[in-house]
Protein backbone atom coordinates (compact mmCIF):
# COMPACT_ATOMS: atom_id res chain seq x y z
CA MET A 1 84.12 69.85 71.45
CA THR A 2 82.80 66.54 72.27
CA LEU A 3 82.07 65.73 75.72
CA LYS A 4 84.36 62.70 74.95
CA GLU A 5 87.40 65.38 74.34
CA LYS A 6 86.33 67.90 76.94
CA LEU A 7 86.72 65.08 79.73
CA ALA A 8 90.02 63.27 78.31
CA GLY A 9 92.49 62.92 80.98
CA LYS A 10 89.78 64.33 83.67
CA PHE A 11 89.03 62.51 87.32
CA ILE A 12 85.64 62.82 87.93
CA VAL A 13 84.19 60.84 91.71
CA PHE A 14 80.68 60.17 92.30
CA ASP A 15 79.69 59.94 96.01
CA GLY A 16 77.17 60.78 98.45
CA PRO A 17 75.06 59.22 101.51
CA ASP A 18 74.23 55.04 101.44
CA GLY A 19 71.67 54.57 98.91
CA SER A 20 71.91 58.16 97.24
CA GLY A 21 72.43 56.07 93.35
CA LYS A 22 75.59 57.06 92.59
CA GLY A 23 77.07 53.94 91.37
CA THR A 24 73.96 53.81 89.19
CA GLN A 25 75.02 57.43 88.35
CA LEU A 26 78.50 56.76 87.46
CA ARG A 27 77.57 53.56 85.42
CA LEU A 28 75.40 55.50 83.21
CA LEU A 29 77.72 57.99 82.78
CA ALA A 30 80.47 55.16 81.96
CA GLU A 31 77.96 53.97 79.52
CA GLU A 32 76.97 57.33 77.74
CA LEU A 33 81.11 57.81 77.52
CA ARG A 34 81.86 54.61 75.86
CA ARG A 35 79.07 55.00 72.92
CA GLN A 36 80.84 58.34 72.26
CA GLY A 37 84.27 56.28 71.79
CA ALA A 38 85.84 57.57 75.23
CA GLU A 39 88.52 54.99 77.07
CA ILE A 40 87.26 55.08 80.27
CA VAL A 41 88.91 53.85 84.00
CA LEU A 42 86.76 52.65 86.50
CA GLY A 43 87.95 52.85 90.15
CA LYS A 44 87.09 51.81 93.36
CA ASP A 45 87.51 53.87 96.49
CA PRO A 46 88.16 51.71 98.77
CA GLY A 47 89.99 48.83 96.88
CA GLY A 48 90.65 49.19 93.26
CA SER A 49 94.13 47.28 93.55
CA GLU A 50 95.26 44.25 94.86
CA ILE A 51 96.64 46.14 97.93
CA GLY A 52 93.76 48.32 98.18
CA ASP A 53 91.64 45.03 98.01
CA ARG A 54 93.22 43.52 100.97
CA ILE A 55 93.06 46.98 103.05
CA ARG A 56 89.25 47.27 101.86
CA ALA A 57 88.75 43.64 103.69
CA ILE A 58 89.54 44.83 106.57
CA LEU A 59 87.82 47.78 106.88
CA LEU A 60 84.30 45.49 105.89
CA ARG A 61 85.20 42.68 108.28
CA HIS A 62 85.81 43.94 111.39
CA ASP A 63 83.83 46.33 113.90
CA LEU A 64 84.95 49.79 113.65
CA SER A 65 83.73 50.81 116.99
CA LEU A 66 86.83 49.01 118.18
CA MET A 67 89.13 51.08 115.66
CA ASP A 68 90.17 54.49 116.20
CA VAL A 69 89.27 56.65 113.89
CA ARG A 70 92.89 58.00 113.04
CA CYS A 71 93.48 54.44 111.97
CA GLU A 72 90.40 53.74 109.92
CA THR A 73 91.13 56.80 108.16
CA MET A 74 94.69 55.97 107.12
CA LEU A 75 93.56 52.85 105.93
CA PHE A 76 91.29 54.79 103.98
CA MET A 77 93.91 56.83 102.74
CA ALA A 78 96.27 53.64 102.70
CA SER A 79 93.88 52.39 99.59
CA ARG A 80 93.86 55.59 97.98
CA ALA A 81 97.76 55.92 97.58
CA GLN A 82 97.83 52.13 95.73
CA LEU A 83 94.56 53.33 93.57
CA VAL A 84 96.73 56.37 92.44
CA GLY A 85 99.91 55.60 92.15
CA GLU A 86 98.66 52.36 90.24
CA VAL A 87 95.45 53.14 88.12
CA ILE A 88 94.73 56.73 88.01
CA GLU A 89 98.23 58.38 87.70
CA PRO A 90 98.42 56.07 84.39
CA ALA A 91 95.18 56.44 83.03
CA LEU A 92 95.36 60.54 83.34
CA LYS A 93 98.68 60.43 81.68
CA ALA A 94 97.50 57.92 78.84
CA GLY A 95 94.65 60.85 78.21
CA LYS A 96 92.19 58.33 79.38
CA ILE A 97 88.82 59.54 81.44
CA VAL A 98 88.70 58.56 85.34
CA LEU A 99 85.80 57.60 87.10
CA CYS A 100 85.71 56.59 90.46
CA ASP A 101 82.97 55.34 92.93
CA ARG A 102 83.61 57.23 96.21
CA PHE A 103 87.56 59.46 97.13
CA ILE A 104 88.58 61.58 100.17
CA SER A 105 85.19 63.35 99.92
CA ALA A 106 83.58 60.57 101.76
CA THR A 107 86.16 60.46 104.48
CA CYS A 108 85.67 63.84 105.07
CA ALA A 109 81.60 63.08 105.67
CA TYR A 110 81.96 59.21 106.83
CA GLN A 111 84.66 59.57 109.46
CA GLY A 112 84.31 63.70 109.96
CA ALA A 113 81.06 62.11 111.01
CA ALA A 114 82.98 59.63 113.44
CA GLY A 115 85.04 62.73 114.82
CA TYR A 116 87.90 63.28 113.26
CA ASP A 117 89.16 66.74 111.81
CA ILE A 118 88.10 67.51 108.50
CA GLN A 119 91.08 69.58 107.42
CA ARG A 120 93.59 66.99 108.40
CA ILE A 121 91.60 64.35 106.33
CA ILE A 122 92.26 67.03 103.61
CA LYS A 123 96.10 67.15 104.45
CA LEU A 124 96.49 63.51 105.03
CA GLY A 125 95.20 62.96 101.79
CA SER A 126 97.45 65.17 99.98
CA PHE A 127 99.99 63.18 101.21
CA ALA A 128 97.97 60.14 100.34
CA VAL A 129 97.61 61.19 96.88
CA GLY A 130 99.35 64.64 96.07
CA ASP A 131 98.44 66.89 93.52
CA THR A 132 95.49 64.09 91.88
CA TRP A 133 92.27 65.02 93.44
CA PRO A 134 89.12 64.31 91.31
CA HIS A 135 88.78 67.57 89.02
CA LEU A 136 85.13 67.26 89.48
CA THR A 137 83.52 65.54 92.14
CA VAL A 138 79.33 64.36 91.94
CA VAL A 139 77.54 64.52 95.60
CA VAL A 140 74.30 62.64 94.65
CA ASP A 141 72.18 63.67 97.45
CA ILE A 142 69.33 61.81 99.47
CA PRO A 143 67.04 62.20 102.56
CA VAL A 144 68.91 59.40 105.39
CA GLU A 145 65.76 58.18 105.45
CA GLU A 146 65.06 57.08 101.57
CA GLY A 147 68.69 55.93 101.42
CA PHE A 148 67.81 53.89 104.13
CA ARG A 149 64.78 52.75 102.44
CA ARG A 150 66.00 51.78 99.61
CA THR A 151 69.13 49.93 101.07
CA GLY A 152 66.81 47.96 103.05
CA ARG A 153 67.05 49.46 106.52
CA ASN A 154 65.05 50.36 109.78
CA PRO A 155 65.53 53.78 111.06
CA SER A 156 66.35 52.13 114.11
CA GLY A 157 68.77 51.29 112.82
CA ALA A 158 68.48 47.20 111.86
CA PRO A 159 69.23 46.18 108.93
CA ARG A 160 66.63 44.09 107.03
CA ARG A 161 66.23 42.45 103.33
CA ARG A 162 67.57 45.63 100.69
CA THR A 163 64.48 46.50 98.46
CA ASP A 164 66.90 48.27 95.65
CA ALA A 165 70.00 46.34 94.77
CA ASN A 166 70.92 48.92 92.97
CA GLN A 167 71.50 51.53 95.56
CA GLY A 168 75.13 50.82 96.82
CA LEU A 169 76.48 51.71 100.13
CA LEU A 170 79.06 53.21 101.27
CA LEU A 171 80.98 49.10 101.86
CA ALA A 172 78.21 47.14 99.84
CA ASP A 173 80.81 43.33 99.78
CA ILE A 174 78.86 42.27 103.03
CA GLU A 175 75.05 42.62 104.91
CA PRO A 176 75.24 44.37 106.94
CA ASP A 177 78.71 45.78 107.12
CA ALA A 178 80.78 48.09 109.11
CA MET A 179 79.05 51.31 108.12
CA GLU A 180 75.84 49.81 107.05
CA ILE A 181 75.37 49.30 111.33
CA ARG A 182 75.64 52.53 112.16
CA PRO A 183 72.57 54.64 113.55
CA ILE A 184 70.47 56.94 111.63
CA ALA A 185 71.96 60.09 113.85
CA PHE A 186 75.50 59.27 112.34
CA HIS A 187 74.25 59.06 108.79
CA ARG A 188 72.35 62.67 108.95
CA LYS A 189 76.12 63.72 110.05
CA VAL A 190 77.59 61.94 106.82
CA ARG A 191 75.19 63.83 104.90
CA LYS A 192 75.45 67.23 106.32
CA LEU A 193 78.99 67.24 105.67
CA PHE A 194 78.69 65.99 102.13
CA LEU A 195 76.42 69.04 101.37
CA GLU A 196 78.99 71.28 103.52
CA LEU A 197 82.29 69.78 102.15
CA PRO A 198 84.56 72.66 102.29
CA PRO A 199 85.74 75.88 99.81
CA GLU A 200 89.28 74.49 99.80
CA TYR A 201 88.28 70.64 99.22
CA PRO A 202 90.12 70.24 96.02
CA GLY A 203 88.62 69.79 92.80
CA LYS A 204 85.12 71.31 91.94
CA VAL A 205 82.17 69.66 93.86
CA VAL A 206 78.41 69.90 92.12
CA VAL A 207 75.70 68.97 94.45
CA ILE A 208 73.15 66.63 92.39
CA ASP A 209 69.24 66.05 93.42
CA GLY A 210 69.50 61.71 93.74
CA SER A 211 65.71 61.66 94.59
CA GLY A 212 64.24 61.85 91.06
CA ALA A 213 64.08 58.51 88.42
CA GLN A 214 67.17 56.89 87.22
CA GLY A 215 66.63 59.14 84.00
CA ASP A 216 65.88 62.13 85.97
CA VAL A 217 69.01 61.99 87.66
CA HIS A 218 71.17 60.91 84.90
CA ARG A 219 70.27 63.94 82.70
CA GLN A 220 71.42 66.40 85.77
CA VAL A 221 74.92 64.54 85.97
CA MET A 222 74.68 64.75 82.11
CA GLU A 223 74.27 69.05 82.04
CA THR A 224 76.41 69.59 85.20
CA ILE A 225 78.96 68.31 83.27
CA GLU A 226 78.57 69.70 80.06
CA ARG A 227 78.03 73.11 81.80
CA VAL A 228 80.92 72.92 84.41
CA ASP A 229 84.34 74.85 83.26
CA PHE A 230 87.09 72.43 83.79
């Protein structure tokens, strides 16, 4: 069975701490699958639909310290509900491969680090997306300090000019955005929660070391996808 055939009708998410290079790895996988003739649909979380992009703007352009974490969590879930209904479910039914930059795993990490109960996040996620969870979540992991270096931030939390343009943040549309300005202690909690996604988180979860060169990390991703049993 070819990789194109193996992944037909599958939903794969790339997630991880800010600066991990998950977006680059998603792009590299998409390019490889397209070379094999696969039909790829790309998703963006939050956003990826007209309604979702409006919700994304709310999350980007507001000081989240003023937003109750329950409100923040539900805004993310509302965007996902629309993305699943409008984009992901139709693509999967058509046998296409869906690759998405972040999903509910990000809420477990980020809103979990902000104090929201992860079990409640998963239950709320089930209400928002039903049974349409990723078949595979690839967490690209790096130390927080390396993520800060790649995204051009000081450990003190003050943003500076980015040095690695390909390393995206959780919400990369504005510098600094509402997630970026949170302190390094918060991002350490985020990384810990990514590495400790609970066993009941739906679908398979694999952790990839993202600290190496892009090509080396891509090889890890390809090896993982080739051996994983859906």
